[in-house]
N, C-alpha and C. Protein backbone atom coordinates (compact mmCIF):
# COMPACT_ATOMS: atom_id res chain seq x y z
N MET A 1 0.38 -16.45 -4.60
CA MET A 1 1.57 -16.35 -4.49
C MET A 1 2.24 -17.49 -4.61
N ILE A 2 3.38 -17.84 -4.72
CA ILE A 2 4.27 -18.96 -4.92
C ILE A 2 5.69 -18.91 -4.28
N SER A 3 5.65 -19.72 -3.77
CA SER A 3 7.16 -19.25 -2.77
C SER A 3 8.08 -19.03 -3.83
N PRO A 4 9.36 -18.39 -3.99
CA PRO A 4 9.63 -17.63 -2.28
C PRO A 4 9.21 -16.11 -2.23
N GLU A 5 7.91 -15.98 -2.94
CA GLU A 5 7.48 -14.81 -3.13
C GLU A 5 6.09 -14.42 -1.53
N THR A 6 6.43 -13.33 -1.36
CA THR A 6 6.02 -13.15 0.13
C THR A 6 4.69 -11.82 0.31
N CYS A 7 4.30 -11.54 -0.99
CA CYS A 7 3.48 -9.66 -1.50
C CYS A 7 3.23 -10.76 -3.11
N ASP A 8 2.29 -10.47 -3.64
CA ASP A 8 1.79 -10.41 -4.99
C ASP A 8 0.63 -9.95 -4.80
N ASP A 9 0.30 -8.87 -5.27
CA ASP A 9 -1.41 -8.19 -5.34
C ASP A 9 -1.47 -8.66 -7.01
N GLY A 10 -1.16 -9.59 -7.37
CA GLY A 10 -1.43 -9.69 -9.21
C GLY A 10 -1.12 -8.50 -9.93
N LEU A 11 -0.43 -7.68 -9.49
CA LEU A 11 -0.03 -6.17 -10.16
C LEU A 11 1.61 -6.12 -10.47
N GLN A 12 1.59 -5.60 -11.90
CA GLN A 12 3.09 -5.35 -12.03
C GLN A 12 3.30 -3.40 -12.05
N ASP A 13 2.17 -3.12 -11.10
CA ASP A 13 2.72 -1.02 -11.25
C ASP A 13 3.67 -1.31 -10.05
N GLY A 14 4.12 -1.59 -9.10
CA GLY A 14 4.50 -1.05 -7.95
C GLY A 14 3.73 -0.25 -7.04
N VAL A 15 2.83 -1.10 -6.88
CA VAL A 15 2.16 -0.19 -5.85
C VAL A 15 1.64 -1.36 -5.16
N GLY A 16 1.77 -1.27 -3.98
CA GLY A 16 0.62 -2.66 -3.09
C GLY A 16 2.49 -3.02 -2.76
N CYS A 17 2.40 -4.31 -3.51
CA CYS A 17 4.07 -4.91 -3.55
C CYS A 17 5.06 -4.77 -4.45
N THR A 18 5.96 -4.89 -4.07
CA THR A 18 6.71 -4.38 -4.70
C THR A 18 6.81 -5.04 -5.89
N SER A 19 7.55 -4.81 -7.76
CA SER A 19 7.92 -5.60 -9.09
C SER A 19 8.46 -6.87 -8.13
N ALA A 20 9.40 -7.58 -7.27
CA ALA A 20 9.66 -8.87 -7.32
C ALA A 20 9.11 -9.48 -6.36
N CYS A 21 7.84 -8.97 -6.17
CA CYS A 21 6.94 -10.00 -5.07
C CYS A 21 7.71 -10.20 -3.80
N ASP A 22 8.66 -9.45 -2.66
CA ASP A 22 9.34 -9.54 -1.95
C ASP A 22 9.21 -8.87 -0.42
N GLY A 23 7.87 -8.03 -1.04
CA GLY A 23 7.46 -6.90 0.40
C GLY A 23 6.79 -6.36 -0.21
N GLN A 24 5.96 -5.37 0.57
CA GLN A 24 5.58 -4.70 0.81
C GLN A 24 5.49 -2.93 0.38
N MET A 25 5.50 -2.02 -0.40
CA MET A 25 6.69 -0.90 -0.37
C MET A 25 5.67 -0.57 0.61
N THR A 26 6.70 0.56 1.10
CA THR A 26 6.41 1.92 1.86
C THR A 26 5.56 2.49 1.30
N GLY A 27 4.43 2.82 2.44
CA GLY A 27 3.56 3.88 2.27
C GLY A 27 2.32 3.00 2.23
N TYR A 28 2.23 1.48 2.25
CA TYR A 28 1.44 -0.32 1.25
C TYR A 28 1.09 -0.15 3.17
N THR A 29 -0.08 -0.97 3.68
CA THR A 29 -0.01 -2.23 3.94
C THR A 29 -0.62 -3.11 3.53
N CYS A 30 -0.05 -4.19 3.59
CA CYS A 30 -0.53 -5.60 2.80
C CYS A 30 -0.84 -7.14 3.57
N SER A 31 -1.79 -7.50 3.66
CA SER A 31 -2.15 -9.18 4.33
C SER A 31 -2.98 -9.92 3.39
N GLY A 32 -2.30 -11.23 4.09
CA GLY A 32 -3.26 -12.07 3.02
C GLY A 32 -2.29 -12.82 1.69
N GLY A 33 -3.66 -13.40 0.99
CA GLY A 33 -2.64 -13.84 -0.49
C GLY A 33 -2.33 -15.45 0.22
N ASP A 34 -2.63 -16.10 -0.90
CA ASP A 34 -2.52 -17.69 -1.30
C ASP A 34 -1.40 -17.96 -2.38
N ILE A 35 -1.54 -19.21 -2.86
CA ILE A 35 -1.49 -19.47 -4.22
C ILE A 35 -2.63 -18.88 -5.48
N SER A 36 -4.05 -18.85 -4.91
CA SER A 36 -5.02 -19.12 -5.64
C SER A 36 -6.09 -17.37 -5.51
N THR A 37 -5.53 -16.39 -4.35
CA THR A 37 -5.82 -15.26 -4.05
C THR A 37 -4.38 -14.61 -3.61
N PRO A 38 -4.66 -13.15 -4.45
CA PRO A 38 -3.29 -12.39 -4.47
C PRO A 38 -3.64 -11.58 -2.60
N THR A 39 -2.58 -11.31 -2.93
CA THR A 39 -2.16 -10.02 -1.57
C THR A 39 -2.94 -8.88 -1.60
N ASN A 40 -3.82 -8.98 -0.60
CA ASN A 40 -4.56 -6.87 -0.57
C ASN A 40 -3.64 -6.14 0.22
N CYS A 41 -3.74 -5.05 -0.89
CA CYS A 41 -3.21 -3.69 -0.13
C CYS A 41 -3.63 -2.65 -0.05
N ALA A 42 -3.72 -2.01 0.74
CA ALA A 42 -4.37 -0.56 0.89
C ALA A 42 -3.61 0.73 1.28
N ASP A 43 -3.08 1.90 0.90
CA ASP A 43 -2.53 2.29 0.87
C ASP A 43 -2.89 3.18 2.41
N VAL A 44 -1.69 3.37 3.27
CA VAL A 44 -1.82 3.83 4.66
C VAL A 44 -2.09 5.51 4.84
N CYS A 45 -3.31 6.06 5.09
CA CYS A 45 -3.17 7.25 5.33
C CYS A 45 -2.92 7.95 6.46
N GLY A 46 -2.45 8.74 6.88
CA GLY A 46 -1.49 9.48 8.04
C GLY A 46 -0.46 9.15 8.10
N ASP A 47 0.49 8.72 6.88
CA ASP A 47 2.12 8.01 7.45
C ASP A 47 2.88 8.96 6.77
N GLY A 48 2.62 10.19 6.35
CA GLY A 48 3.14 10.84 5.85
C GLY A 48 3.89 10.60 4.54
N ILE A 49 3.46 9.60 4.12
CA ILE A 49 3.74 8.92 2.63
C ILE A 49 2.86 8.87 1.37
N VAL A 50 3.00 10.07 0.62
CA VAL A 50 2.04 10.34 -0.75
C VAL A 50 2.13 9.06 -1.45
N THR A 51 0.49 7.83 -1.73
CA THR A 51 0.57 7.24 -2.61
C THR A 51 0.48 7.66 -4.09
N PRO A 52 -0.05 7.02 -4.89
CA PRO A 52 -1.04 7.83 -6.26
C PRO A 52 -2.02 7.66 -6.04
N SER A 53 -2.51 7.35 -4.75
CA SER A 53 -4.47 7.34 -4.95
C SER A 53 -4.20 8.59 -3.66
N GLN A 54 -3.41 9.10 -3.10
CA GLN A 54 -3.69 10.09 -2.56
C GLN A 54 -3.22 11.28 -3.40
N THR A 55 -4.34 12.43 -2.10
CA THR A 55 -3.47 13.97 -3.68
C THR A 55 -2.89 14.84 -1.89
N CYS A 56 -3.01 14.06 -0.86
CA CYS A 56 -1.67 14.64 0.21
C CYS A 56 -1.54 13.34 1.61
N ASP A 57 -0.66 13.79 2.27
CA ASP A 57 -0.65 13.37 2.81
C ASP A 57 0.37 13.50 4.14
N ASP A 58 0.01 14.00 5.03
CA ASP A 58 0.70 15.15 6.56
C ASP A 58 1.01 14.08 7.53
N SER A 59 0.88 13.38 7.09
CA SER A 59 1.25 12.55 8.73
C SER A 59 0.18 12.07 9.68
N ASN A 60 -0.70 12.64 9.49
CA ASN A 60 -1.81 12.33 10.57
C ASN A 60 -2.90 12.59 9.77
N SER A 61 -3.84 12.28 11.28
CA SER A 61 -5.38 12.46 10.44
C SER A 61 -6.73 13.40 10.84
N VAL A 62 -5.96 14.11 11.32
CA VAL A 62 -6.66 15.54 11.70
C VAL A 62 -7.05 16.32 10.29
N PRO A 63 -8.31 16.53 10.52
CA PRO A 63 -8.56 17.54 9.26
C PRO A 63 -9.00 18.64 8.95
N THR A 64 -8.28 19.36 10.03
CA THR A 64 -8.66 20.34 9.29
C THR A 64 -6.87 21.52 9.03
N ASP A 65 -5.90 20.75 9.42
CA ASP A 65 -5.14 21.31 9.53
C ASP A 65 -3.51 21.41 7.53
N GLY A 66 -4.73 21.19 6.54
CA GLY A 66 -4.24 21.42 5.50
C GLY A 66 -4.73 19.81 4.64
N CYS A 67 -4.48 19.38 5.12
CA CYS A 67 -4.75 17.42 4.31
C CYS A 67 -6.22 16.86 5.30
N ASP A 68 -6.92 16.59 4.95
CA ASP A 68 -7.81 16.06 5.28
C ASP A 68 -8.02 14.56 5.27
N SER A 69 -8.93 14.43 6.95
CA SER A 69 -8.05 12.66 7.37
C SER A 69 -8.41 11.06 6.43
N ASN A 70 -9.24 11.70 4.76
CA ASN A 70 -9.08 10.70 3.83
C ASN A 70 -7.53 10.85 2.64
N CYS A 71 -6.91 11.73 3.48
CA CYS A 71 -5.80 11.89 2.33
C CYS A 71 -6.04 12.34 0.92
C-alpha cells in the first residue's frame, strides 16, 4: 500500500479491496498490508452477501437450513 491507500490486495478485480484502494468491499474482511506486502482479504461466510467464491450465504452458519456453514 502507498499512502493514501487504505486497502490494496494487489488485484484490480474488485474482490476484497475496492478498485480505488480506499477500503474493503462489502462481504469481505481485510487486514494488514504495507508498502511491500498486499492487504490480505477473505470473504465472510454468514453475512448474507454472496461473493464470487461462494455458492450461497444465508446470513448464518447453520449447516442444514439450505446453505452449509462453508457457503
